[in-house]
Structures are given as structure tokens and as C-alpha cells.
Amino acid sequence: MLKGEPGYLDLCQYILKNGTKKTDRTNTGTYSVFGQQMRFDLGDGFPLLTTKKVPFRLVASELLWFLKGDTNIRYLLQHNNNIWNEWAFKRWVESSNYDGPDMTDFGNRSQQDQEFNQLYQEQMKIFKDNILNDRAFAEKFGDLGNVYGKQWRAWKTSQSQTIDQLKNVIHSLRHNPDSRRHIVSAWNPEDVPNMALPPCHTLFQFYVADGKLSCQLYQRSADIFIGVPFNIASYALLTHLIAHECGLKAGEFVHTLGDAHIYTNHVEQVKTQLGRDARSRPTLRINGEKPSILDFELDDFELLDYEPHPSIKAPIAV
């Protein structure tokens, strides 16, 4: 089992050395291994990677989006968060309503062709402006389907009722902390075909011992360079928030990975990161006056003493 940021770097090195080269849905190609695990002691500081800058405000605003049960990128764009744009943009440019220049395979072409990249940026700006300023357009093209927030907060049953998994798990933690059923699932087989991206982080479970709350995430598909640093920080933050509401201390975040992969067009970026030394973890402060996890806003979080190495840019496979 790999512990902390050195463990993350060890995993990167292990995949580069031992990963099987595989094709994938995006036609980018990956180096892949199956079945890995990392552990993060949340008492030793907040596990935001320091070997490259990870934008905490993007992590926090995305988590708040999940917690609200929202599935439309409009909220994210209102908070200057662009991390889900490509999936919604893809739906627009592939629709009959789109009449702009051909954006086929925009994720890869925009990295390779400067002229195409300019067109892509122009169309993306039009798309974002429409999402922010045209509610009907946002409802049609900004929604990603029944992704994380919908499953967490309003899982639809066969009897057409809804289950608020998040509220249920908080109630269970408060009233039956020793239960082995503190589980939230985002993987709803009936809804998967209608999601812009089927859940990568599919299921998480909480565990209480010695007054501490720990969380284990099972992630079916793990983009090690871009996605996983966000996932680590997001579930660490979620654990802190639920611990706060339940009157517990934050314990451990255990990150279990299924298909752990490095995209072939991220290899050089990973090697750059591996050449850097990890620095001290930052400290997370949250507004202790907010009693419920559902009351938090972005300004209720503060990250102290975060001094990372510079960010490393890489294309997202869509």
C-alpha cells in the first residue's frame, strides 16, 4: 500500500515501468495497471499534491456542485470552473443545433494544430457565453445527464421515488457509527448510457473508529496525471466536511484504483513531475460555524501554507 504523496509518485513510476499499453475510448492510448491503493492520513495535513500546483478552488467548487445534486455546468462556470466543459461542449458540437466549423476530435486536434486551436477557443467561448446567459441553452446543452450529484442526492428507484444517499449516510454515521453500510454509490447501471461520462469514482464508504472518520473510495478508472490529484483532494475535503458535521475528527482517506493509467500524451509531463521533490502539506481550515455539509459555500474553505511546484499543462482526453 502506498502512503501519501511519495506513494503517488511511486505509483506514477510503477505505471511507467510496468504498465500495459492499451487502447481506450478516447483513442489516445494509455499505459495501464489494474488494482492499486494509496492511503492518506488526514491528520498529517491536507493531501493536495505539491509536486505540481493543483487548483484547490476548482476542487472545492466541483465538490459543492456534487453536494448540491447539480448536473449542469452552469453553476461551475459561474464559479470560473471549466473542468467539465469539454463533455458538455462535445454534446453541443455533435448536435443538429450546431452550425459552426467542424470540431471533430477537438480534444486532440486543438493540441496539434494552432489554427484549429484558435477556432476551438472561439467556439468554446460562444458555448460558455450561451451557457451563462441563455437559460434555455444551458438546460439543453449544459446538463451532463444523471452524473455524480444526481446519484448522490436523488437516486431514482424503480418505484419512481428518490433516495438522498448523502443525507442517509450522514444520519447513519450519527446514529449507528459502527455500521458497515455507510456507502454512497454513483454507479447506476440504468443511467450510465445517458451520462456524458460514466462515473469514474464509483463508490465510497465511511468508517468510524476512535472518534475519527475515514473514507475509502473505489475508482474504476483513474487518470493518474490529471484526474487523480483532483480526486484525492476532493474526497479528502468531503471526509473533512462530513467529519465536521458528525462531530468527528478526520482519519484516513484510502484510495483504491481499478484501471490506473497514464495517457500516452501525458508521459513527458509525468516524468517532469517525477523529477520534483514533495513539499510539506498545506493545512485546511473550514468555517466551523456552518453546522451542515449542505450549508457550505466556496468562501467557507481556506488553504494555508500551500507552496507547490508550478503547474504542468497536459491535454484532457474526452
C-alpha atoms as a PDB file:
ATOM      1  CA  MET A   1       0.000   0.000   0.000  1.00  0.00           C
ATOM      2  CA  LEU A   2       1.311   3.415  -0.981  1.00  0.00           C
ATOM      3  CA  LYS A   3       1.208   6.231   1.572  1.00  0.00           C
ATOM      4  CA  GLY A   4       0.982   9.958   0.929  1.00  0.00           C
ATOM      5  CA  GLU A   5       2.454  11.971  -1.944  1.00  0.00           C
ATOM      6  CA  PRO A   6       5.603   9.831  -2.253  1.00  0.00           C
ATOM      7  CA  GLY A   7       3.171   6.968  -2.785  1.00  0.00           C
ATOM      8  CA  TYR A   8       1.504   8.873  -5.611  1.00  0.00           C
ATOM      9  CA  LEU A   9       4.893   9.427  -7.241  1.00  0.00           C
ATOM     10  CA  ASP A  10       5.770   5.774  -6.678  1.00  0.00           C
ATOM     11  CA  LEU A  11       2.571   4.809  -8.465  1.00  0.00           C
ATOM     12  CA  CYS A  12       3.431   7.062 -11.410  1.00  0.00           C
ATOM     13  CA  GLN A  13       6.858   5.435 -11.647  1.00  0.00           C
ATOM     14  CA  TYR A  14       5.368   1.940 -11.340  1.00  0.00           C
ATOM     15  CA  ILE A  15       2.895   2.534 -14.180  1.00  0.00           C
ATOM     16  CA  LEU A  16       5.567   3.938 -16.482  1.00  0.00           C
ATOM     17  CA  LYS A  17       7.740   0.901 -15.795  1.00  0.00           C
ATOM     18  CA  ASN A  18       5.137  -1.879 -15.687  1.00  0.00           C
ATOM     19  CA  GLY A  19       2.017  -0.562 -17.407  1.00  0.00           C
ATOM     20  CA  THR A  20       0.497  -2.430 -20.326  1.00  0.00           C
ATOM     21  CA  LYS A  21      -0.042  -0.292 -23.408  1.00  0.00           C
ATOM     22  CA  LYS A  22      -3.757  -0.298 -24.166  1.00  0.00           C
ATOM     23  CA  THR A  23      -6.246   1.366 -26.466  1.00  0.00           C
ATOM     24  CA  ASP A  24      -9.059   3.350 -24.894  1.00  0.00           C
ATOM     25  CA  ARG A  25     -12.360   5.075 -25.582  1.00  0.00           C
ATOM     26  CA  THR A  26     -10.664   8.378 -26.492  1.00  0.00           C
ATOM     27  CA  ASN A  27      -8.255   6.761 -28.999  1.00  0.00           C
ATOM     28  CA  THR A  28      -5.367   8.387 -27.144  1.00  0.00           C
ATOM     29  CA  GLY A  29      -3.786   5.233 -25.695  1.00  0.00           C
ATOM     30  CA  THR A  30      -2.665   4.547 -22.134  1.00  0.00           C
ATOM     31  CA  TYR A  31      -0.116   2.724 -20.020  1.00  0.00           C
ATOM     32  CA  SER A  32      -2.292   0.834 -17.573  1.00  0.00           C
ATOM     33  CA  VAL A  33      -2.129  -1.337 -14.444  1.00  0.00           C
ATOM     34  CA  PHE A  34      -5.022  -2.846 -12.515  1.00  0.00           C
ATOM     35  CA  GLY A  35      -5.704  -2.769  -8.778  1.00  0.00           C
ATOM     36  CA  GLN A  36      -3.662  -0.257  -6.757  1.00  0.00           C
ATOM     37  CA  GLN A  37      -4.179   1.543  -3.466  1.00  0.00           C
ATOM     38  CA  MET A  38      -2.908   4.699  -1.760  1.00  0.00           C
ATOM     39  CA  ARG A  39      -3.501   5.876   1.821  1.00  0.00           C
ATOM     40  CA  PHE A  40      -3.519   9.448   3.135  1.00  0.00           C
ATOM     41  CA  ASP A  41      -3.508  10.282   6.854  1.00  0.00           C
ATOM     42  CA  LEU A  42      -5.634  13.434   7.013  1.00  0.00           C
ATOM     43  CA  GLY A  43      -4.146  14.293  10.386  1.00  0.00           C
ATOM     44  CA  ASP A  44      -0.822  14.953   8.651  1.00  0.00           C
ATOM     45  CA  GLY A  45      -2.116  17.859   6.587  1.00  0.00           C
ATOM     46  CA  PHE A  46      -4.358  18.228   3.568  1.00  0.00           C
ATOM     47  CA  PRO A  47      -3.268  15.899   0.702  1.00  0.00           C
ATOM     48  CA  LEU A  48      -3.115  18.401  -2.136  1.00  0.00           C
ATOM     49  CA  LEU A  49      -0.150  17.455  -4.314  1.00  0.00           C
ATOM     50  CA  THR A  50       2.860  19.738  -4.035  1.00  0.00           C
ATOM     51  CA  THR A  51       4.925  18.359  -6.933  1.00  0.00           C
ATOM     52  CA  LYS A  52       2.628  20.370  -9.186  1.00  0.00           C
ATOM     53  CA  LYS A  53       0.078  23.032  -8.393  1.00  0.00           C
ATOM     54  CA  VAL A  54      -3.462  21.684  -8.083  1.00  0.00           C
ATOM     55  CA  PRO A  55      -6.115  24.453  -8.047  1.00  0.00           C
ATOM     56  CA  PHE A  56      -7.950  23.938  -4.768  1.00  0.00           C
ATOM     57  CA  ARG A  57     -10.820  26.302  -5.632  1.00  0.00           C
ATOM     58  CA  LEU A  58     -11.674  24.124  -8.628  1.00  0.00           C
ATOM     59  CA  VAL A  59     -11.656  21.030  -6.416  1.00  0.00           C
ATOM     60  CA  ALA A  60     -13.875  22.721  -3.826  1.00  0.00           C
ATOM     61  CA  SER A  61     -16.385  24.222  -6.290  1.00  0.00           C
ATOM     62  CA  GLU A  62     -16.757  20.874  -8.071  1.00  0.00           C
ATOM     63  CA  LEU A  63     -17.415  19.114  -4.761  1.00  0.00           C
ATOM     64  CA  LEU A  64     -20.017  21.721  -3.795  1.00  0.00           C
ATOM     65  CA  TRP A  65     -21.629  21.135  -7.204  1.00  0.00           C
ATOM     66  CA  PHE A  66     -21.853  17.412  -6.408  1.00  0.00           C
ATOM     67  CA  LEU A  67     -23.226  18.093  -2.926  1.00  0.00           C
ATOM     68  CA  LYS A  68     -25.979  20.330  -4.316  1.00  0.00           C
ATOM     69  CA  GLY A  69     -27.113  17.487  -6.573  1.00  0.00           C
ATOM     70  CA  ASP A  70     -26.470  19.657  -9.621  1.00  0.00           C
ATOM     71  CA  THR A  71     -25.608  18.175 -13.010  1.00  0.00           C
ATOM     72  CA  ASN A  72     -25.463  21.325 -15.135  1.00  0.00           C
ATOM     73  CA  ILE A  73     -22.131  23.066 -15.785  1.00  0.00           C
ATOM     74  CA  ARG A  74     -23.761  26.495 -15.405  1.00  0.00           C
ATOM     75  CA  TYR A  75     -23.007  26.524 -11.669  1.00  0.00           C
ATOM     76  CA  LEU A  76     -19.391  25.613 -12.365  1.00  0.00           C
ATOM     77  CA  LEU A  77     -18.967  28.333 -14.973  1.00  0.00           C
ATOM     78  CA  GLN A  78     -20.473  30.859 -12.573  1.00  0.00           C
ATOM     79  CA  HIS A  79     -17.565  29.966 -10.269  1.00  0.00           C
ATOM     80  CA  ASN A  80     -14.986  30.107 -13.072  1.00  0.00           C
ATOM     81  CA  ASN A  81     -14.624  26.329 -13.074  1.00  0.00           C
ATOM     82  CA  ASN A  82     -14.078  24.894 -16.548  1.00  0.00           C
ATOM     83  CA  ILE A  83     -13.150  21.292 -15.756  1.00  0.00           C
ATOM     84  CA  TRP A  84     -16.369  19.740 -17.144  1.00  0.00           C
ATOM     85  CA  ASN A  85     -16.716  21.985 -20.198  1.00  0.00           C
ATOM     86  CA  GLU A  86     -15.378  19.557 -22.791  1.00  0.00           C
ATOM     87  CA  TRP A  87     -18.029  16.908 -22.206  1.00  0.00           C
ATOM     88  CA  ALA A  88     -20.924  19.370 -22.499  1.00  0.00           C
ATOM     89  CA  PHE A  89     -19.239  21.137 -25.444  1.00  0.00           C
ATOM     90  CA  LYS A  90     -18.928  17.784 -27.226  1.00  0.00           C
ATOM     91  CA  ARG A  91     -22.679  17.280 -26.991  1.00  0.00           C
ATOM     92  CA  TRP A  92     -23.305  20.717 -28.497  1.00  0.00           C
ATOM     93  CA  VAL A  93     -20.900  20.437 -31.447  1.00  0.00           C
ATOM     94  CA  GLU A  94     -22.249  16.977 -32.280  1.00  0.00           C
ATOM     95  CA  SER A  95     -25.883  18.152 -32.185  1.00  0.00           C
ATOM     96  CA  SER A  96     -28.073  19.272 -35.086  1.00  0.00           C
ATOM     97  CA  ASN A  97     -28.244  22.740 -33.475  1.00  0.00           C
ATOM     98  CA  TYR A  98     -24.554  23.374 -34.060  1.00  0.00           C
ATOM     99  CA  ASP A  99     -23.694  25.215 -37.295  1.00  0.00           C
ATOM    100  CA  GLY A 100     -20.081  26.257 -36.673  1.00  0.00           C
ATOM    101  CA  PRO A 101     -16.798  24.856 -38.029  1.00  0.00           C
ATOM    102  CA  ASP A 102     -16.114  21.131 -37.738  1.00  0.00           C
ATOM    103  CA  MET A 103     -14.942  20.338 -34.187  1.00  0.00           C
ATOM    104  CA  THR A 104     -14.482  16.581 -34.672  1.00  0.00           C
ATOM    105  CA  ASP A 105     -11.839  15.178 -32.279  1.00  0.00           C
ATOM    106  CA  PHE A 106     -11.332  18.684 -30.846  1.00  0.00           C
ATOM    107  CA  GLY A 107      -9.551  17.357 -27.755  1.00  0.00           C
ATOM    108  CA  ASN A 108      -6.578  16.087 -29.747  1.00  0.00           C
ATOM    109  CA  ARG A 109      -6.656  18.433 -32.741  1.00  0.00           C
ATOM    110  CA  SER A 110      -6.578  21.567 -30.587  1.00  0.00           C
ATOM    111  CA  GLN A 111      -3.251  20.405 -29.140  1.00  0.00           C
ATOM    112  CA  GLN A 112      -1.659  19.755 -32.524  1.00  0.00           C
ATOM    113  CA  ASP A 113      -2.981  22.417 -34.873  1.00  0.00           C
ATOM    114  CA  GLN A 114      -2.625  26.095 -33.913  1.00  0.00           C
ATOM    115  CA  GLU A 115      -5.222  27.282 -36.425  1.00  0.00           C
ATOM    116  CA  PHE A 116      -7.717  24.669 -35.253  1.00  0.00           C
ATOM    117  CA  ASN A 117      -6.983  25.555 -31.636  1.00  0.00           C
ATOM    118  CA  GLN A 118      -7.960  29.163 -32.315  1.00  0.00           C
ATOM    119  CA  LEU A 119     -11.259  28.022 -33.855  1.00  0.00           C
ATOM    120  CA  TYR A 120     -11.837  25.714 -30.904  1.00  0.00           C
ATOM    121  CA  GLN A 121     -11.245  28.530 -28.399  1.00  0.00           C
ATOM    122  CA  GLU A 122     -13.643  30.790 -30.301  1.00  0.00           C
ATOM    123  CA  GLN A 123     -16.390  28.147 -30.344  1.00  0.00           C
ATOM    124  CA  MET A 124     -15.809  27.305 -26.689  1.00  0.00           C
ATOM    125  CA  LYS A 125     -16.213  30.982 -25.758  1.00  0.00           C
ATOM    126  CA  ILE A 126     -19.509  31.131 -27.661  1.00  0.00           C
ATOM    127  CA  PHE A 127     -20.609  27.960 -25.886  1.00  0.00           C
ATOM    128  CA  LYS A 128     -19.703  29.249 -22.412  1.00  0.00           C
ATOM    129  CA  ASP A 129     -21.355  32.630 -23.004  1.00  0.00           C
ATOM    130  CA  ASN A 130     -24.542  30.872 -24.086  1.00  0.00           C
ATOM    131  CA  ILE A 131     -24.498  28.621 -21.019  1.00  0.00           C
ATOM    132  CA  LEU A 132     -24.108  31.610 -18.701  1.00  0.00           C
ATOM    133  CA  ASN A 133     -26.556  33.966 -20.400  1.00  0.00           C
ATOM    134  CA  ASP A 134     -29.194  31.779 -22.050  1.00  0.00           C
ATOM    135  CA  ARG A 135     -31.024  29.594 -19.559  1.00  0.00           C
ATOM    136  CA  ALA A 136     -32.804  27.556 -22.241  1.00  0.00           C
ATOM    137  CA  PHE A 137     -29.482  26.854 -23.975  1.00  0.00           C
ATOM    138  CA  ALA A 138     -27.942  25.879 -20.619  1.00  0.00           C
ATOM    139  CA  GLU A 139     -30.792  23.494 -19.870  1.00  0.00           C
ATOM    140  CA  LYS A 140     -30.376  21.815 -23.250  1.00  0.00           C
ATOM    141  CA  PHE A 141     -26.596  21.664 -23.594  1.00  0.00           C
ATOM    142  CA  GLY A 142     -25.177  22.325 -20.124  1.00  0.00           C
ATOM    143  CA  ASP A 143     -26.622  19.270 -18.459  1.00  0.00           C
ATOM    144  CA  LEU A 144     -24.387  16.195 -18.282  1.00  0.00           C
ATOM    145  CA  GLY A 145     -27.084  13.649 -17.505  1.00  0.00           C
ATOM    146  CA  ASN A 146     -27.545  11.872 -14.197  1.00  0.00           C
ATOM    147  CA  VAL A 147     -23.907  12.143 -13.108  1.00  0.00           C
ATOM    148  CA  TYR A 148     -22.482  12.260  -9.575  1.00  0.00           C
ATOM    149  CA  GLY A 149     -24.660  14.872  -7.897  1.00  0.00           C
ATOM    150  CA  LYS A 150     -27.880  13.301  -9.145  1.00  0.00           C
ATOM    151  CA  GLN A 151     -26.909   9.846  -7.885  1.00  0.00           C
ATOM    152  CA  TRP A 152     -25.653  11.137  -4.528  1.00  0.00           C
ATOM    153  CA  ARG A 153     -28.713  13.272  -3.784  1.00  0.00           C
ATOM    154  CA  ALA A 154     -31.610  11.890  -5.846  1.00  0.00           C
ATOM    155  CA  TRP A 155     -31.091   8.263  -6.868  1.00  0.00           C
ATOM    156  CA  LYS A 156     -34.283   7.258  -8.707  1.00  0.00           C
ATOM    157  CA  THR A 157     -35.820   3.959  -7.654  1.00  0.00           C
ATOM    158  CA  SER A 158     -37.905   1.518  -9.685  1.00  0.00           C
ATOM    159  CA  GLN A 159     -40.953   2.908  -7.801  1.00  0.00           C
ATOM    160  CA  SER A 160     -40.137   6.439  -9.098  1.00  0.00           C
ATOM    161  CA  GLN A 161     -39.094   7.616  -5.658  1.00  0.00           C
ATOM    162  CA  THR A 162     -35.727   9.195  -4.891  1.00  0.00           C
ATOM    163  CA  ILE A 163     -33.062   8.336  -2.333  1.00  0.00           C
ATOM    164  CA  ASP A 164     -30.795  11.006  -0.876  1.00  0.00           C
ATOM    165  CA  GLN A 165     -27.770   8.805  -0.275  1.00  0.00           C
ATOM    166  CA  LEU A 166     -25.715  11.621   1.214  1.00  0.00           C
ATOM    167  CA  LYS A 167     -28.276  12.576   3.858  1.00  0.00           C
ATOM    168  CA  ASN A 168     -28.853   8.917   4.636  1.00  0.00           C
ATOM    169  CA  VAL A 169     -25.168   8.186   5.184  1.00  0.00           C
ATOM    170  CA  ILE A 170     -24.773  11.229   7.462  1.00  0.00           C
ATOM    171  CA  HIS A 171     -27.788  10.072   9.503  1.00  0.00           C
ATOM    172  CA  SER A 172     -26.298   6.577   9.693  1.00  0.00           C
ATOM    173  CA  LEU A 173     -22.907   7.910  10.831  1.00  0.00           C
ATOM    174  CA  ARG A 174     -24.577   9.933  13.581  1.00  0.00           C
ATOM    175  CA  HIS A 175     -26.861   7.208  14.894  1.00  0.00           C
ATOM    176  CA  ASN A 176     -25.075   3.951  14.058  1.00  0.00           C
ATOM    177  CA  PRO A 177     -21.369   4.754  13.643  1.00  0.00           C
ATOM    178  CA  ASP A 178     -20.264   1.104  13.787  1.00  0.00           C
ATOM    179  CA  SER A 179     -22.409   0.134  10.795  1.00  0.00           C
ATOM    180  CA  ARG A 180     -20.690  -1.393   7.792  1.00  0.00           C
ATOM    181  CA  ARG A 181     -23.237   0.166   5.443  1.00  0.00           C
ATOM    182  CA  HIS A 182     -22.025   3.782   5.260  1.00  0.00           C
ATOM    183  CA  ILE A 183     -21.921   3.638   1.466  1.00  0.00           C
ATOM    184  CA  VAL A 184     -22.723   6.058  -1.374  1.00  0.00           C
ATOM    185  CA  SER A 185     -22.743   4.764  -4.954  1.00  0.00           C
ATOM    186  CA  ALA A 186     -22.597   6.840  -8.126  1.00  0.00           C
ATOM    187  CA  TRP A 187     -22.750   3.809 -10.437  1.00  0.00           C
ATOM    188  CA  ASN A 188     -26.378   3.404 -11.517  1.00  0.00           C
ATOM    189  CA  PRO A 189     -26.413   0.900 -14.416  1.00  0.00           C
ATOM    190  CA  GLU A 190     -29.729   2.168 -15.764  1.00  0.00           C
ATOM    191  CA  ASP A 191     -28.453   5.754 -16.017  1.00  0.00           C
ATOM    192  CA  VAL A 192     -24.937   5.059 -17.305  1.00  0.00           C
ATOM    193  CA  PRO A 193     -25.881   5.189 -21.021  1.00  0.00           C
ATOM    194  CA  ASN A 194     -27.340   8.685 -20.579  1.00  0.00           C
ATOM    195  CA  MET A 195     -24.380  10.215 -18.744  1.00  0.00           C
ATOM    196  CA  ALA A 196     -21.866  12.439 -20.518  1.00  0.00           C
ATOM    197  CA  LEU A 197     -19.191  10.458 -18.674  1.00  0.00           C
ATOM    198  CA  PRO A 198     -19.982   7.349 -16.594  1.00  0.00           C
ATOM    199  CA  PRO A 199     -18.736   7.799 -13.014  1.00  0.00           C
ATOM    200  CA  CYS A 200     -15.015   7.159 -12.637  1.00  0.00           C
ATOM    201  CA  HIS A 201     -15.161   7.386  -8.853  1.00  0.00           C
ATOM    202  CA  THR A 202     -17.980   4.930  -8.441  1.00  0.00           C
ATOM    203  CA  LEU A 203     -18.456   4.128  -4.744  1.00  0.00           C
ATOM    204  CA  PHE A 204     -17.246   5.398  -1.373  1.00  0.00           C
ATOM    205  CA  GLN A 205     -17.600   4.028   2.131  1.00  0.00           C
ATOM    206  CA  PHE A 206     -17.092   5.628   5.544  1.00  0.00           C
ATOM    207  CA  TYR A 207     -15.669   4.007   8.672  1.00  0.00           C
ATOM    208  CA  VAL A 208     -15.630   5.304  12.258  1.00  0.00           C
ATOM    209  CA  ALA A 209     -13.052   4.278  14.858  1.00  0.00           C
ATOM    210  CA  ASP A 210     -11.554   6.078  17.876  1.00  0.00           C
ATOM    211  CA  GLY A 211     -13.523   9.226  17.148  1.00  0.00           C
ATOM    212  CA  LYS A 212     -12.154   9.513  13.618  1.00  0.00           C
ATOM    213  CA  LEU A 213     -13.930   9.297  10.286  1.00  0.00           C
ATOM    214  CA  SER A 214     -12.157   7.533   7.418  1.00  0.00           C
ATOM    215  CA  CYS A 215     -13.248   7.191   3.806  1.00  0.00           C
ATOM    216  CA  GLN A 216     -12.401   4.631   1.152  1.00  0.00           C
ATOM    217  CA  LEU A 217     -13.091   5.355  -2.495  1.00  0.00           C
ATOM    218  CA  TYR A 218     -13.244   2.772  -5.252  1.00  0.00           C
ATOM    219  CA  GLN A 219     -12.360   4.388  -8.564  1.00  0.00           C
ATOM    220  CA  ARG A 220     -12.964   2.189 -11.610  1.00  0.00           C
ATOM    221  CA  SER A 221     -10.934   4.394 -13.978  1.00  0.00           C
ATOM    222  CA  ALA A 222      -8.104   6.597 -12.785  1.00  0.00           C
ATOM    223  CA  ASP A 223      -6.407   9.202 -14.989  1.00  0.00           C
ATOM    224  CA  ILE A 224      -3.288   9.356 -12.840  1.00  0.00           C
ATOM    225  CA  PHE A 225      -1.823  12.641 -14.053  1.00  0.00           C
ATOM    226  CA  ILE A 226      -4.865  14.917 -14.407  1.00  0.00           C
ATOM    227  CA  GLY A 227      -7.808  13.318 -12.624  1.00  0.00           C
ATOM    228  CA  VAL A 228      -6.398  11.530  -9.593  1.00  0.00           C
ATOM    229  CA  PRO A 229      -4.845  14.601  -7.890  1.00  0.00           C
ATOM    230  CA  PHE A 230      -8.310  16.210  -8.026  1.00  0.00           C
ATOM    231  CA  ASN A 231      -9.974  13.037  -6.734  1.00  0.00           C
ATOM    232  CA  ILE A 232      -7.595  12.775  -3.776  1.00  0.00           C
ATOM    233  CA  ALA A 233      -8.247  16.367  -2.751  1.00  0.00           C
ATOM    234  CA  SER A 234     -12.000  16.163  -3.365  1.00  0.00           C
ATOM    235  CA  TYR A 235     -12.591  13.098  -1.200  1.00  0.00           C
ATOM    236  CA  ALA A 236     -10.227  14.377   1.473  1.00  0.00           C
ATOM    237  CA  LEU A 237     -12.318  17.563   1.597  1.00  0.00           C
ATOM    238  CA  LEU A 238     -15.555  15.543   1.643  1.00  0.00           C
ATOM    239  CA  THR A 239     -14.225  13.487   4.572  1.00  0.00           C
ATOM    240  CA  HIS A 240     -13.325  16.650   6.493  1.00  0.00           C
ATOM    241  CA  LEU A 241     -16.779  18.140   5.900  1.00  0.00           C
ATOM    242  CA  ILE A 242     -18.728  15.055   6.936  1.00  0.00           C
ATOM    243  CA  ALA A 243     -16.467  14.566   9.967  1.00  0.00           C
ATOM    244  CA  HIS A 244     -17.249  18.169  10.942  1.00  0.00           C
ATOM    245  CA  GLU A 245     -20.997  17.632  10.687  1.00  0.00           C
ATOM    246  CA  CYS A 246     -20.836  14.374  12.652  1.00  0.00           C
ATOM    247  CA  GLY A 247     -18.602  15.717  15.431  1.00  0.00           C
ATOM    248  CA  LEU A 248     -15.648  13.529  14.454  1.00  0.00           C
ATOM    249  CA  LYS A 249     -12.039  14.105  13.501  1.00  0.00           C
ATOM    250  CA  ALA A 250     -10.809  13.327  10.003  1.00  0.00           C
ATOM    251  CA  GLY A 251      -8.996   9.986   9.889  1.00  0.00           C
ATOM    252  CA  GLU A 252      -7.695   8.394   6.692  1.00  0.00           C
ATOM    253  CA  PHE A 253      -8.543   8.637   3.023  1.00  0.00           C
ATOM    254  CA  VAL A 254      -7.973   5.299   1.295  1.00  0.00           C
ATOM    255  CA  HIS A 255      -7.919   5.484  -2.495  1.00  0.00           C
ATOM    256  CA  THR A 256      -8.460   2.172  -4.288  1.00  0.00           C
ATOM    257  CA  LEU A 257      -7.969   2.193  -8.050  1.00  0.00           C
ATOM    258  CA  GLY A 258      -9.201  -0.207 -10.724  1.00  0.00           C
ATOM    259  CA  ASP A 259      -7.727   0.699 -14.118  1.00  0.00           C
ATOM    260  CA  ALA A 260      -4.931   3.093 -13.123  1.00  0.00           C
ATOM    261  CA  HIS A 261      -3.490   4.634 -16.245  1.00  0.00           C
ATOM    262  CA  ILE A 262      -1.237   7.312 -17.681  1.00  0.00           C
ATOM    263  CA  TYR A 263      -2.273   8.600 -21.102  1.00  0.00           C
ATOM    264  CA  THR A 264       0.433   8.322 -23.730  1.00  0.00           C
ATOM    265  CA  ASN A 265       0.323  12.093 -24.255  1.00  0.00           C
ATOM    266  CA  HIS A 266       0.969  12.681 -20.522  1.00  0.00           C
ATOM    267  CA  VAL A 267       4.186  10.683 -20.244  1.00  0.00           C
ATOM    268  CA  GLU A 268       6.581  13.618 -20.544  1.00  0.00           C
ATOM    269  CA  GLN A 269       4.548  15.634 -18.047  1.00  0.00           C
ATOM    270  CA  VAL A 270       4.664  12.747 -15.566  1.00  0.00           C
ATOM    271  CA  LYS A 271       8.434  12.490 -15.985  1.00  0.00           C
ATOM    272  CA  THR A 272       8.721  16.222 -15.245  1.00  0.00           C
ATOM    273  CA  GLN A 273       6.701  15.756 -12.073  1.00  0.00           C
ATOM    274  CA  LEU A 274       8.789  12.765 -11.010  1.00  0.00           C
ATOM    275  CA  GLY A 275      11.862  14.990 -11.113  1.00  0.00           C
ATOM    276  CA  ARG A 276      10.462  17.177  -8.343  1.00  0.00           C
ATOM    277  CA  ASP A 277      10.649  16.734  -4.566  1.00  0.00           C
ATOM    278  CA  ALA A 278       7.466  16.702  -2.492  1.00  0.00           C
ATOM    279  CA  ARG A 279       6.980  19.627  -0.104  1.00  0.00           C
ATOM    280  CA  SER A 280       5.099  19.990   3.191  1.00  0.00           C
ATOM    281  CA  ARG A 281       1.352  19.507   3.007  1.00  0.00           C
ATOM    282  CA  PRO A 282      -0.902  22.541   3.417  1.00  0.00           C
ATOM    283  CA  THR A 283      -3.475  22.930   6.194  1.00  0.00           C
ATOM    284  CA  LEU A 284      -7.225  23.066   5.589  1.00  0.00           C
ATOM    285  CA  ARG A 285      -9.474  25.364   7.589  1.00  0.00           C
ATOM    286  CA  ILE A 286     -13.239  25.233   7.274  1.00  0.00           C
ATOM    287  CA  ASN A 287     -15.893  27.542   8.684  1.00  0.00           C
ATOM    288  CA  GLY A 288     -16.813  25.856  11.950  1.00  0.00           C
ATOM    289  CA  GLU A 289     -19.995  27.913  12.277  1.00  0.00           C
ATOM    290  CA  LYS A 290     -21.682  26.053   9.433  1.00  0.00           C
ATOM    291  CA  PRO A 291     -23.414  23.033  11.005  1.00  0.00           C
ATOM    292  CA  SER A 292     -24.340  21.122   7.851  1.00  0.00           C
ATOM    293  CA  ILE A 293     -22.307  19.958   4.895  1.00  0.00           C
ATOM    294  CA  LEU A 294     -25.099  21.315   2.692  1.00  0.00           C
ATOM    295  CA  ASP A 295     -24.622  24.870   4.024  1.00  0.00           C
ATOM    296  CA  PHE A 296     -21.042  25.342   2.841  1.00  0.00           C
ATOM    297  CA  GLU A 297     -20.037  27.793   0.141  1.00  0.00           C
ATOM    298  CA  LEU A 298     -16.679  28.319  -1.520  1.00  0.00           C
ATOM    299  CA  ASP A 299     -15.588  31.065   0.867  1.00  0.00           C
ATOM    300  CA  ASP A 300     -16.018  28.720   3.842  1.00  0.00           C
ATOM    301  CA  PHE A 301     -12.744  26.937   2.965  1.00  0.00           C
ATOM    302  CA  GLU A 302      -9.224  28.239   3.457  1.00  0.00           C
ATOM    303  CA  LEU A 303      -5.998  26.516   2.488  1.00  0.00           C
ATOM    304  CA  LEU A 304      -2.912  27.601   4.418  1.00  0.00           C
ATOM    305  CA  ASP A 305       0.783  27.224   3.593  1.00  0.00           C
ATOM    306  CA  TYR A 306       0.325  25.676   0.156  1.00  0.00           C
ATOM    307  CA  GLU A 307       3.635  26.169  -1.660  1.00  0.00           C
ATOM    308  CA  PRO A 308       3.648  23.764  -4.612  1.00  0.00           C
ATOM    309  CA  HIS A 309       5.889  23.466  -7.628  1.00  0.00           C
ATOM    310  CA  PRO A 310       4.424  25.126 -10.761  1.00  0.00           C
ATOM    311  CA  SER A 311       1.511  23.552 -12.608  1.00  0.00           C
ATOM    312  CA  ILE A 312       2.169  21.258 -15.572  1.00  0.00           C
ATOM    313  CA  LYS A 313      -0.175  21.547 -18.534  1.00  0.00           C
ATOM    314  CA  ALA A 314      -1.492  18.489 -20.359  1.00  0.00           C
ATOM    315  CA  PRO A 315      -4.413  17.766 -22.731  1.00  0.00           C
ATOM    316  CA  ILE A 316      -7.605  16.162 -21.422  1.00  0.00           C
ATOM    317  CA  ALA A 317      -8.781  13.032 -23.218  1.00  0.00           C
ATOM    318  CA  VAL A 318     -12.501  13.439 -23.932  1.00  0.00           C
END
